């Protein structure tokens, strides 16, 4: 149930194209070199999507993708997509030109409008080094404890199909999860995940850039992230 102070109409209802959402983020949200830093590793990237890795960054896999910025669904598309019947079992319109039925992400994109809005919601999309995005996959965030970083100086840890993000990204991640859980019926966190995200939200407050980013998205997407708005107001970032 939503808090009484939150509306029921804060989800994306304007942008259905994931490709369009990514282009708008690149061209209209991340405007300057000061804005262009990835979520997990704080790597710089330029207007042509080239990554400038931080000193000591390492990536053993996905070498080509390590050089480019990609747009990461913080709440993975699969983790909400599999709640749509089109993803799980298909739809009569999901048939190839050869008459072969298909399901999964491709069918959800084709057959379900709400899925397209969720996939293209810019509040859930953040820049990431491509190899980090590829390695994180659809893994849930947890605290993994005393294990080594998976990317050298970047304190992102991935092990046993779980991921622990660096401290600097935890508040952003938490508020993104809380937003998606609050405003989309097709995504609900587990009790354990909700407890972790509530704790991170309280422990790691909003930054001026997180609030500015939300303002820019609101103007383009036509919807407000009211969870973020409340945190930004409380922090004095109006």
Protein backbone atom coordinates (compact mmCIF):
# COMPACT_ATOMS: atom_id res chain seq x y z
CA UNK A 1 0.00 0.00 0.00
CA UNK A 2 1.28 3.47 -0.84
CA UNK A 3 1.87 6.05 1.90
CA UNK A 4 -1.04 8.47 2.04
CA UNK A 5 1.19 11.30 0.85
CA UNK A 6 1.96 9.55 -2.44
CA UNK A 7 -0.30 9.70 -5.47
CA UNK A 8 -1.38 6.72 -7.52
CA UNK A 9 -0.28 8.29 -10.82
CA UNK A 10 3.47 8.76 -10.56
CA UNK A 11 4.56 6.00 -12.93
CA UNK A 12 5.75 6.56 -16.48
CA UNK A 13 2.87 6.90 -18.94
CA UNK A 14 4.63 8.90 -21.66
CA UNK A 15 7.62 6.98 -23.02
CA UNK A 16 7.13 3.42 -24.27
CA UNK A 17 10.39 2.97 -26.16
CA UNK A 18 13.45 1.76 -24.21
CA UNK A 19 15.65 2.98 -27.07
CA UNK A 20 14.05 6.43 -26.92
CA UNK A 21 14.48 6.59 -23.13
CA UNK A 22 18.20 5.85 -23.46
CA UNK A 23 18.65 8.54 -26.09
CA UNK A 24 16.83 11.09 -23.94
CA UNK A 25 19.06 10.26 -20.97
CA UNK A 26 22.16 10.69 -23.11
CA UNK A 27 21.06 13.92 -24.79
CA UNK A 28 18.77 15.64 -22.29
CA UNK A 29 19.66 14.45 -18.78
CA UNK A 30 23.41 13.82 -18.68
CA UNK A 31 24.30 17.14 -20.24
CA UNK A 32 27.83 17.91 -19.07
CA UNK A 33 31.02 16.13 -18.05
CA UNK A 34 30.11 16.91 -14.44
CA UNK A 35 26.90 14.88 -14.84
CA UNK A 36 28.46 11.97 -16.71
CA UNK A 37 29.51 9.46 -14.07
CA UNK A 38 28.40 5.85 -13.86
CA UNK A 39 26.33 4.62 -10.94
CA UNK A 40 28.43 1.79 -9.55
CA UNK A 41 32.02 2.75 -10.29
CA UNK A 42 31.76 6.55 -10.70
CA UNK A 43 33.58 6.25 -14.02
CA UNK A 44 33.45 9.23 -16.34
CA UNK A 45 31.99 8.86 -19.82
CA UNK A 46 31.80 11.26 -22.74
CA UNK A 47 28.98 12.34 -25.04
CA UNK A 48 29.85 9.50 -27.41
CA UNK A 49 29.38 6.89 -24.63
CA UNK A 50 33.10 6.16 -24.25
CA UNK A 51 34.13 5.14 -20.73
CA UNK A 52 37.04 6.79 -18.97
CA UNK A 53 37.70 4.14 -16.30
CA UNK A 54 38.85 5.13 -12.82
CA UNK A 55 42.39 4.25 -11.82
CA UNK A 56 42.64 0.62 -10.86
CA UNK A 57 39.45 -0.51 -12.56
CA UNK A 58 39.67 -4.10 -13.79
CA UNK A 59 37.30 -6.20 -15.87
CA UNK A 60 38.19 -9.80 -16.67
CA UNK A 61 35.08 -10.39 -18.79
CA UNK A 62 33.21 -8.45 -21.46
CA UNK A 63 36.29 -6.47 -22.52
CA UNK A 64 34.59 -4.62 -25.36
CA UNK A 65 31.64 -3.65 -23.18
CA UNK A 66 34.05 -2.32 -20.54
CA UNK A 67 34.86 0.55 -22.91
CA UNK A 68 31.29 1.76 -23.33
CA UNK A 69 28.56 3.13 -21.12
CA UNK A 70 25.29 1.20 -21.02
CA UNK A 71 21.96 2.01 -19.38
CA UNK A 72 21.34 -0.28 -16.45
CA UNK A 73 17.89 -1.16 -15.14
CA UNK A 74 18.57 -0.83 -11.40
CA UNK A 75 15.51 -3.01 -10.86
CA UNK A 76 16.32 -5.52 -13.62
CA UNK A 77 13.89 -5.81 -16.52
CA UNK A 78 13.68 -9.57 -16.00
CA UNK A 79 12.74 -9.15 -12.35
CA UNK A 80 9.58 -7.25 -13.21
CA UNK A 81 9.15 -8.64 -16.72
CA UNK A 82 8.61 -12.21 -15.56
CA UNK A 83 5.51 -11.00 -13.70
CA UNK A 84 3.85 -10.41 -17.08
CA UNK A 85 2.12 -13.39 -18.70
CA UNK A 86 3.58 -12.42 -22.08
CA UNK A 87 7.07 -12.92 -20.69
CA UNK A 88 6.25 -16.26 -19.09
CA UNK A 89 3.98 -17.91 -21.64
CA UNK A 90 3.74 -15.68 -24.70
CA UNK A 91 0.79 -14.12 -26.49
CA UNK A 92 -1.13 -14.94 -29.69
CA UNK A 93 0.47 -11.94 -31.44
CA UNK A 94 4.00 -13.10 -30.56
CA UNK A 95 4.63 -15.19 -33.65
CA UNK A 96 7.51 -14.91 -36.12
CA UNK A 97 7.06 -14.60 -39.88
CA UNK A 98 7.71 -18.34 -40.00
CA UNK A 99 4.83 -19.04 -37.62
CA UNK A 100 7.03 -19.78 -34.59
CA UNK A 101 5.70 -18.59 -31.22
CA UNK A 102 8.01 -16.77 -28.84
CA UNK A 103 7.86 -15.39 -25.30
CA UNK A 104 10.19 -13.55 -22.90
CA UNK A 105 11.26 -9.93 -23.17
CA UNK A 106 10.59 -9.73 -26.89
CA UNK A 107 6.97 -10.76 -26.47
CA UNK A 108 6.40 -8.51 -23.44
CA UNK A 109 7.70 -5.55 -25.45
CA UNK A 110 5.41 -6.35 -28.35
CA UNK A 111 2.23 -7.25 -26.53
CA UNK A 112 2.04 -5.33 -23.24
CA UNK A 113 1.91 -1.56 -22.95
CA UNK A 114 2.54 -1.47 -19.20
CA UNK A 115 5.69 -3.53 -19.65
CA UNK A 116 6.96 -1.05 -22.24
CA UNK A 117 6.34 1.87 -19.87
CA UNK A 118 8.17 0.07 -17.03
CA UNK A 119 11.12 -0.84 -19.23
CA UNK A 120 11.47 2.74 -20.46
CA UNK A 121 11.02 4.47 -17.08
CA UNK A 122 14.05 6.74 -16.81
CA UNK A 123 13.95 6.83 -13.01
CA UNK A 124 15.03 3.18 -13.13
CA UNK A 125 17.80 3.71 -15.71
CA UNK A 126 21.33 4.67 -14.73
CA UNK A 127 24.63 4.70 -16.63
CA UNK A 128 26.97 1.80 -15.93
CA UNK A 129 30.21 0.49 -17.38
CA UNK A 130 29.04 -2.11 -19.89
CA UNK A 131 30.99 -4.98 -18.37
CA UNK A 132 29.61 -4.21 -14.90
CA UNK A 133 26.09 -4.11 -16.29
CA UNK A 134 26.68 -7.45 -18.03
CA UNK A 135 28.11 -9.07 -14.91
CA UNK A 136 25.37 -7.83 -12.58
CA UNK A 137 22.70 -9.40 -14.82
CA UNK A 138 19.41 -9.60 -12.90
CA UNK A 139 20.97 -10.36 -9.52
CA UNK A 140 19.43 -9.00 -6.34
CA UNK A 141 21.42 -6.70 -4.10
CA UNK A 142 22.59 -8.04 -0.76
CA UNK A 143 25.46 -7.56 1.68
CA UNK A 144 28.10 -10.10 0.69
CA UNK A 145 30.54 -9.44 3.49
CA UNK A 146 34.31 -9.68 3.34
CA UNK A 147 35.01 -10.74 -0.23
CA UNK A 148 37.20 -8.98 -2.76
CA UNK A 149 35.91 -6.47 -5.28
CA UNK A 150 34.96 -7.90 -8.66
CA UNK A 151 36.32 -4.92 -10.62
CA UNK A 152 39.55 -3.87 -8.95
CA UNK A 153 39.27 -0.40 -7.45
CA UNK A 154 35.52 -0.33 -8.12
CA UNK A 155 33.92 -1.76 -4.98
CA UNK A 156 31.21 -3.70 -6.78
CA UNK A 157 31.04 -7.30 -5.56
CA UNK A 158 29.32 -10.11 -7.45
CA UNK A 159 29.24 -13.70 -6.23
CA UNK A 160 26.82 -16.64 -6.27
CA UNK A 161 24.21 -14.75 -8.32
CA UNK A 162 24.12 -11.87 -5.81
CA UNK A 163 25.57 -8.37 -5.95
CA UNK A 164 26.76 -5.86 -3.36
CA UNK A 165 27.07 -2.30 -4.71
CA UNK A 166 29.60 0.31 -3.58
CA UNK A 167 28.58 2.52 -0.66
CA UNK A 168 28.19 5.61 -2.86
CA UNK A 169 25.43 3.99 -4.94
CA UNK A 170 23.36 2.35 -2.21
CA UNK A 171 21.02 5.24 -1.47
CA UNK A 172 20.27 5.76 -5.17
CA UNK A 173 19.60 2.05 -5.59
CA UNK A 174 17.31 1.95 -2.55
CA UNK A 175 15.17 4.86 -3.65
CA UNK A 176 14.89 3.39 -7.15
CA UNK A 177 13.67 0.07 -5.77
CA UNK A 178 11.19 1.83 -3.49
CA UNK A 179 9.90 3.88 -6.43
CA UNK A 180 9.38 0.87 -8.70
CA UNK A 181 7.72 -1.10 -5.90
CA UNK A 182 5.38 1.75 -5.01
CA UNK A 183 4.14 2.76 -8.45
CA UNK A 184 4.01 -0.42 -10.53
CA UNK A 185 1.65 -3.29 -9.75
CA UNK A 186 3.85 -5.76 -11.62
CA UNK A 187 6.80 -5.38 -9.28
CA UNK A 188 6.92 -6.07 -5.55
CA UNK A 189 10.01 -6.55 -3.43
CA UNK A 190 10.47 -9.46 -1.10
CA UNK A 191 10.32 -8.72 2.62
CA UNK A 192 14.09 -9.17 2.90
CA UNK A 193 14.82 -6.89 -0.04
CA UNK A 194 12.45 -4.22 1.31
CA UNK A 195 14.17 -4.23 4.68
CA UNK A 196 17.56 -3.73 3.04
CA UNK A 197 16.33 -0.94 0.78
CA UNK A 198 14.60 0.87 3.62
CA UNK A 199 17.83 0.67 5.63
CA UNK A 200 19.95 1.98 2.76
CA UNK A 201 17.47 4.77 2.08
CA UNK A 202 17.81 5.98 5.67
CA UNK A 203 21.56 5.48 5.91
CA UNK A 204 22.58 7.05 2.60
CA UNK A 205 20.73 10.35 1.96
CA UNK A 206 20.04 12.00 -1.38
CA UNK A 207 22.62 14.16 -3.13
CA UNK A 208 22.09 17.39 -5.03
CA UNK A 209 22.73 15.55 -8.32
CA UNK A 210 20.20 12.81 -7.55
CA UNK A 211 17.58 15.49 -7.02
CA UNK A 212 18.56 17.52 -10.08
CA UNK A 213 18.45 14.38 -12.22
CA UNK A 214 14.92 13.66 -10.99
CA UNK A 215 13.81 17.20 -11.89
CA UNK A 216 15.14 16.80 -15.41
CA UNK A 217 13.47 13.43 -15.86
CA UNK A 218 10.17 14.77 -14.55
CA UNK A 219 10.10 17.46 -17.24
CA UNK A 220 10.74 14.97 -20.04
CA UNK A 221 8.86 11.91 -18.81
CA UNK A 222 5.89 13.84 -17.45
CA UNK A 223 5.75 11.95 -14.15
CA UNK A 224 7.21 12.56 -10.71
CA UNK A 225 9.24 10.27 -8.51
CA UNK A 226 7.43 11.29 -5.37
CA UNK A 227 9.60 9.15 -3.09
CA UNK A 228 12.62 11.07 -4.32
CA UNK A 229 10.78 14.39 -4.16
CA UNK A 230 10.03 13.92 -0.48
CA UNK A 231 13.66 13.01 0.28
CA UNK A 232 14.93 15.98 -1.73
CA UNK A 233 12.59 18.39 0.05
CA UNK A 234 13.64 17.06 3.44
CA UNK A 235 17.31 17.53 2.49
CA UNK A 236 16.76 21.07 1.22
CA UNK A 237 17.34 20.25 -2.46
CA UNK A 238 14.18 21.87 -3.80
